[in-house]
N, C-alpha and C. Protein backbone atom coordinates (compact mmCIF):
# COMPACT_ATOMS: atom_id res chain seq x y z
N MET A 1 0.84 -1.18 0.00
CA MET A 1 0.00 0.00 0.00
C MET A 1 0.88 1.24 0.00
N THR A 2 0.60 2.16 -0.87
CA THR A 2 1.37 3.39 -0.98
C THR A 2 0.93 4.37 0.10
N PRO A 3 1.88 4.98 0.83
CA PRO A 3 1.48 5.96 1.85
C PRO A 3 0.85 7.20 1.22
N ASP A 4 -0.07 7.77 1.93
CA ASP A 4 -0.74 8.99 1.47
C ASP A 4 0.23 10.15 1.54
N PRO A 5 0.58 10.78 0.38
CA PRO A 5 1.55 11.88 0.41
C PRO A 5 1.01 13.13 1.10
N PHE A 6 -0.30 13.19 1.32
CA PHE A 6 -0.87 14.37 1.95
C PHE A 6 -1.04 14.21 3.44
N GLN A 7 -0.71 13.04 3.97
CA GLN A 7 -0.81 12.84 5.41
C GLN A 7 0.16 13.79 6.10
N PHE A 8 -0.31 14.44 7.12
CA PHE A 8 0.53 15.41 7.83
C PHE A 8 1.61 14.68 8.60
N SER A 9 2.82 15.13 8.44
CA SER A 9 3.93 14.43 9.07
C SER A 9 4.51 15.18 10.25
N ALA A 10 4.22 16.47 10.37
CA ALA A 10 4.84 17.21 11.47
C ALA A 10 4.08 18.50 11.72
N LEU A 11 4.17 18.96 12.94
CA LEU A 11 3.66 20.27 13.32
C LEU A 11 4.82 21.07 13.87
N PHE A 12 4.93 22.31 13.47
CA PHE A 12 5.98 23.18 13.99
C PHE A 12 5.31 24.41 14.56
N ASN A 13 5.60 24.71 15.79
CA ASN A 13 5.05 25.90 16.42
C ASN A 13 6.13 26.96 16.42
N PHE A 14 5.87 28.05 15.70
CA PHE A 14 6.84 29.10 15.56
C PHE A 14 6.69 30.19 16.62
N SER A 15 5.80 29.99 17.58
CA SER A 15 5.51 31.06 18.53
C SER A 15 6.71 31.42 19.40
N ALA A 16 7.63 30.50 19.58
CA ALA A 16 8.80 30.79 20.42
C ALA A 16 9.81 31.66 19.68
N GLY A 17 9.70 31.72 18.36
CA GLY A 17 10.67 32.47 17.57
C GLY A 17 10.03 33.63 16.86
N CYS A 18 10.08 33.58 15.55
CA CYS A 18 9.67 34.73 14.75
C CYS A 18 8.19 34.79 14.48
N CYS A 19 7.49 33.72 14.65
CA CYS A 19 6.14 33.65 14.11
C CYS A 19 5.15 33.15 15.14
N SER A 20 3.87 33.39 14.87
CA SER A 20 2.86 33.03 15.85
C SER A 20 1.99 31.86 15.43
N ALA A 21 2.00 31.48 14.17
CA ALA A 21 1.10 30.43 13.70
C ALA A 21 1.75 29.05 13.79
N THR A 22 0.92 28.05 13.90
CA THR A 22 1.37 26.68 13.81
C THR A 22 1.22 26.25 12.36
N VAL A 23 2.30 25.78 11.77
CA VAL A 23 2.30 25.39 10.37
C VAL A 23 2.54 23.89 10.30
N LYS A 24 1.76 23.21 9.45
CA LYS A 24 1.92 21.78 9.24
C LYS A 24 2.60 21.57 7.90
N PHE A 25 3.20 20.40 7.73
CA PHE A 25 3.89 20.06 6.50
C PHE A 25 3.46 18.67 6.04
N THR A 26 3.28 18.50 4.75
CA THR A 26 2.95 17.18 4.21
C THR A 26 4.20 16.34 4.09
N ARG A 27 4.01 15.05 3.91
CA ARG A 27 5.15 14.16 3.65
C ARG A 27 5.85 14.56 2.36
N TYR A 28 5.06 14.94 1.38
CA TYR A 28 5.64 15.37 0.11
C TYR A 28 6.62 16.52 0.32
N TYR A 29 6.25 17.48 1.16
CA TYR A 29 7.15 18.60 1.46
C TYR A 29 8.48 18.06 2.00
N HIS A 30 8.41 17.14 2.94
CA HIS A 30 9.64 16.61 3.54
C HIS A 30 10.48 15.84 2.52
N GLU A 31 9.83 15.14 1.61
CA GLU A 31 10.56 14.45 0.55
C GLU A 31 11.25 15.45 -0.37
N MET A 32 10.55 16.49 -0.76
CA MET A 32 11.12 17.51 -1.66
C MET A 32 12.24 18.29 -0.96
N ARG A 33 12.13 18.46 0.34
CA ARG A 33 13.14 19.21 1.09
C ARG A 33 14.49 18.51 1.10
N ARG A 34 14.51 17.23 0.80
CA ARG A 34 15.77 16.49 0.72
C ARG A 34 16.58 16.84 -0.53
N ARG A 35 15.93 17.43 -1.52
CA ARG A 35 16.64 17.80 -2.74
C ARG A 35 17.66 18.90 -2.44
N PRO A 36 18.83 18.83 -3.03
CA PRO A 36 19.87 19.83 -2.75
C PRO A 36 19.44 21.27 -3.10
N ASP A 37 18.59 21.43 -4.10
CA ASP A 37 18.17 22.77 -4.49
C ASP A 37 17.07 23.33 -3.58
N ARG A 38 16.61 22.53 -2.61
CA ARG A 38 15.57 23.00 -1.69
C ARG A 38 15.94 22.86 -0.22
N ALA A 39 16.98 22.12 0.06
CA ALA A 39 17.35 21.83 1.45
C ALA A 39 17.71 23.09 2.24
N PHE A 40 18.17 24.12 1.58
CA PHE A 40 18.61 25.34 2.26
C PHE A 40 17.47 26.31 2.56
N ILE A 41 16.27 26.04 2.09
CA ILE A 41 15.14 26.95 2.32
C ILE A 41 14.79 26.92 3.80
N ARG A 42 14.89 28.08 4.42
CA ARG A 42 14.69 28.19 5.88
C ARG A 42 13.21 28.25 6.23
N LEU A 43 12.87 27.67 7.37
CA LEU A 43 11.47 27.66 7.82
C LEU A 43 10.95 29.08 8.05
N GLU A 44 11.83 29.99 8.44
CA GLU A 44 11.42 31.38 8.65
C GLU A 44 10.96 32.01 7.32
N TRP A 45 11.62 31.62 6.23
CA TRP A 45 11.22 32.14 4.91
C TRP A 45 9.86 31.59 4.50
N VAL A 46 9.65 30.31 4.81
CA VAL A 46 8.36 29.69 4.51
C VAL A 46 7.26 30.42 5.28
N GLN A 47 7.51 30.66 6.56
CA GLN A 47 6.52 31.35 7.38
C GLN A 47 6.27 32.77 6.86
N GLN A 48 7.32 33.44 6.39
CA GLN A 48 7.16 34.78 5.83
C GLN A 48 6.21 34.76 4.64
N ALA A 49 6.37 33.78 3.77
CA ALA A 49 5.49 33.67 2.60
C ALA A 49 4.06 33.33 3.00
N VAL A 50 3.90 32.53 4.04
CA VAL A 50 2.56 32.17 4.51
C VAL A 50 1.88 33.40 5.13
N ASP A 51 2.61 34.14 5.96
CA ASP A 51 2.03 35.26 6.70
C ASP A 51 1.96 36.57 5.92
N HIS A 52 2.95 36.81 5.05
CA HIS A 52 3.04 38.12 4.38
C HIS A 52 3.34 37.97 2.89
N PRO A 53 2.46 37.33 2.15
CA PRO A 53 2.72 37.16 0.73
C PRO A 53 2.58 38.47 -0.04
N VAL A 54 3.36 38.59 -1.12
CA VAL A 54 3.19 39.74 -2.01
C VAL A 54 2.09 39.45 -3.03
N ARG A 55 1.79 38.17 -3.23
CA ARG A 55 0.70 37.76 -4.10
C ARG A 55 0.21 36.40 -3.66
N GLN A 56 -1.08 36.16 -3.92
CA GLN A 56 -1.70 34.87 -3.62
C GLN A 56 -2.55 34.47 -4.80
N PHE A 57 -2.55 33.18 -5.10
CA PHE A 57 -3.36 32.64 -6.18
C PHE A 57 -3.94 31.31 -5.73
N VAL A 58 -5.25 31.15 -5.88
CA VAL A 58 -5.91 29.89 -5.52
C VAL A 58 -6.08 29.06 -6.79
N GLN A 59 -5.50 27.86 -6.76
CA GLN A 59 -5.58 26.96 -7.90
C GLN A 59 -6.97 26.32 -7.97
N GLN A 60 -7.28 25.70 -9.11
CA GLN A 60 -8.58 25.06 -9.27
C GLN A 60 -8.80 23.93 -8.26
N ASP A 61 -7.73 23.28 -7.83
CA ASP A 61 -7.86 22.19 -6.87
C ASP A 61 -7.95 22.69 -5.43
N GLY A 62 -7.94 24.01 -5.23
CA GLY A 62 -8.08 24.59 -3.90
C GLY A 62 -6.75 24.91 -3.23
N ARG A 63 -5.65 24.39 -3.77
CA ARG A 63 -4.35 24.73 -3.18
C ARG A 63 -4.07 26.21 -3.38
N ILE A 64 -3.28 26.74 -2.48
CA ILE A 64 -3.01 28.18 -2.46
C ILE A 64 -1.53 28.41 -2.71
N ARG A 65 -1.24 29.24 -3.70
CA ARG A 65 0.14 29.64 -3.97
C ARG A 65 0.35 31.01 -3.34
N ARG A 66 1.46 31.13 -2.63
CA ARG A 66 1.83 32.43 -2.06
C ARG A 66 3.31 32.68 -2.36
N TRP A 67 3.62 33.94 -2.66
CA TRP A 67 4.99 34.32 -2.96
C TRP A 67 5.46 35.40 -2.00
N ALA A 68 6.74 35.35 -1.67
CA ALA A 68 7.36 36.40 -0.84
C ALA A 68 8.79 36.59 -1.32
N ALA A 69 9.22 37.86 -1.34
CA ALA A 69 10.60 38.18 -1.67
C ALA A 69 11.45 37.89 -0.44
N ILE A 70 12.56 37.20 -0.64
CA ILE A 70 13.45 36.82 0.46
C ILE A 70 14.72 37.65 0.34
N ASP A 71 14.87 38.62 1.24
CA ASP A 71 16.01 39.53 1.20
C ASP A 71 17.35 38.80 1.27
N ALA A 72 17.41 37.78 2.12
CA ALA A 72 18.66 37.03 2.30
C ALA A 72 19.08 36.29 1.03
N MET A 73 18.17 36.17 0.08
CA MET A 73 18.46 35.50 -1.19
C MET A 73 18.45 36.50 -2.34
N GLY A 74 18.79 37.75 -2.03
CA GLY A 74 18.89 38.76 -3.06
C GLY A 74 17.55 39.17 -3.65
N GLY A 75 16.48 39.00 -2.87
CA GLY A 75 15.16 39.40 -3.34
C GLY A 75 14.46 38.37 -4.21
N GLN A 76 15.03 37.17 -4.33
CA GLN A 76 14.35 36.12 -5.09
C GLN A 76 13.01 35.81 -4.42
N TYR A 77 12.06 35.34 -5.24
CA TYR A 77 10.72 35.06 -4.74
C TYR A 77 10.55 33.58 -4.41
N LEU A 78 10.18 33.34 -3.15
CA LEU A 78 9.88 31.99 -2.70
C LEU A 78 8.40 31.73 -2.92
N ARG A 79 8.10 30.64 -3.62
CA ARG A 79 6.70 30.22 -3.77
C ARG A 79 6.43 29.13 -2.75
N VAL A 80 5.36 29.30 -2.00
CA VAL A 80 4.90 28.29 -1.04
C VAL A 80 3.52 27.84 -1.50
N VAL A 81 3.37 26.53 -1.64
CA VAL A 81 2.08 25.96 -2.02
C VAL A 81 1.47 25.35 -0.78
N LEU A 82 0.28 25.83 -0.44
CA LEU A 82 -0.44 25.36 0.75
C LEU A 82 -1.63 24.51 0.33
N LEU A 83 -2.01 23.58 1.20
CA LEU A 83 -3.26 22.87 0.99
C LEU A 83 -4.40 23.84 1.25
N PRO A 84 -5.63 23.49 0.87
CA PRO A 84 -6.76 24.42 1.01
C PRO A 84 -7.00 24.95 2.42
N ASP A 85 -6.46 24.30 3.46
CA ASP A 85 -6.65 24.80 4.83
C ASP A 85 -5.86 26.08 5.09
N GLY A 86 -4.92 26.41 4.21
CA GLY A 86 -4.15 27.64 4.34
C GLY A 86 -3.00 27.58 5.33
N LEU A 87 -2.81 26.46 6.01
CA LEU A 87 -1.73 26.33 6.99
C LEU A 87 -0.84 25.10 6.79
N THR A 88 -1.19 24.26 5.83
CA THR A 88 -0.39 23.06 5.59
C THR A 88 0.46 23.26 4.34
N VAL A 89 1.78 23.29 4.54
CA VAL A 89 2.71 23.53 3.44
C VAL A 89 2.91 22.22 2.68
N HIS A 90 2.70 22.30 1.36
CA HIS A 90 2.85 21.13 0.50
C HIS A 90 4.15 21.19 -0.32
N ASN A 91 4.58 22.40 -0.69
CA ASN A 91 5.77 22.53 -1.52
C ASN A 91 6.34 23.94 -1.36
N THR A 92 7.65 24.07 -1.54
CA THR A 92 8.31 25.37 -1.52
C THR A 92 9.47 25.35 -2.51
N PHE A 93 9.65 26.45 -3.20
CA PHE A 93 10.79 26.57 -4.11
C PHE A 93 10.92 28.03 -4.54
N PHE A 94 12.11 28.38 -5.00
CA PHE A 94 12.31 29.72 -5.53
C PHE A 94 11.81 29.75 -6.96
N ASP A 95 10.88 30.63 -7.23
CA ASP A 95 10.18 30.72 -8.50
C ASP A 95 10.88 31.74 -9.39
N ARG A 96 11.71 31.25 -10.27
CA ARG A 96 12.50 32.16 -11.13
C ARG A 96 11.66 32.89 -12.15
N SER A 97 10.46 32.39 -12.46
CA SER A 97 9.63 33.04 -13.47
C SER A 97 8.62 34.03 -12.88
N PHE A 98 8.55 34.13 -11.55
CA PHE A 98 7.56 35.01 -10.92
C PHE A 98 7.91 36.48 -11.15
N LYS A 99 6.90 37.23 -11.55
CA LYS A 99 7.03 38.68 -11.71
C LYS A 99 6.01 39.35 -10.80
N PRO A 100 6.46 40.20 -9.87
CA PRO A 100 5.53 40.84 -8.93
C PRO A 100 4.59 41.83 -9.63
């Protein structure tokens, strides 16, 4: 039996640090985070995109795309894809084609 990639694998409470919301992550997110081109993406940057996006787009399947400029990465835009609940991170990557 194949595991459900959308099953929540972890909860992170950011209230002790920079953020106040509890953000969940899918298994798929954790699998993608192992890739060398994504392993360096900091959780604080993910939270920034969730809390303070410069743009948001709701896909037909209900997933939510949010983008935020990351100063520490020279202003590159991080795209965070959330499940329809708005708090479960499914994917993150730097979107080279995004135009604000």
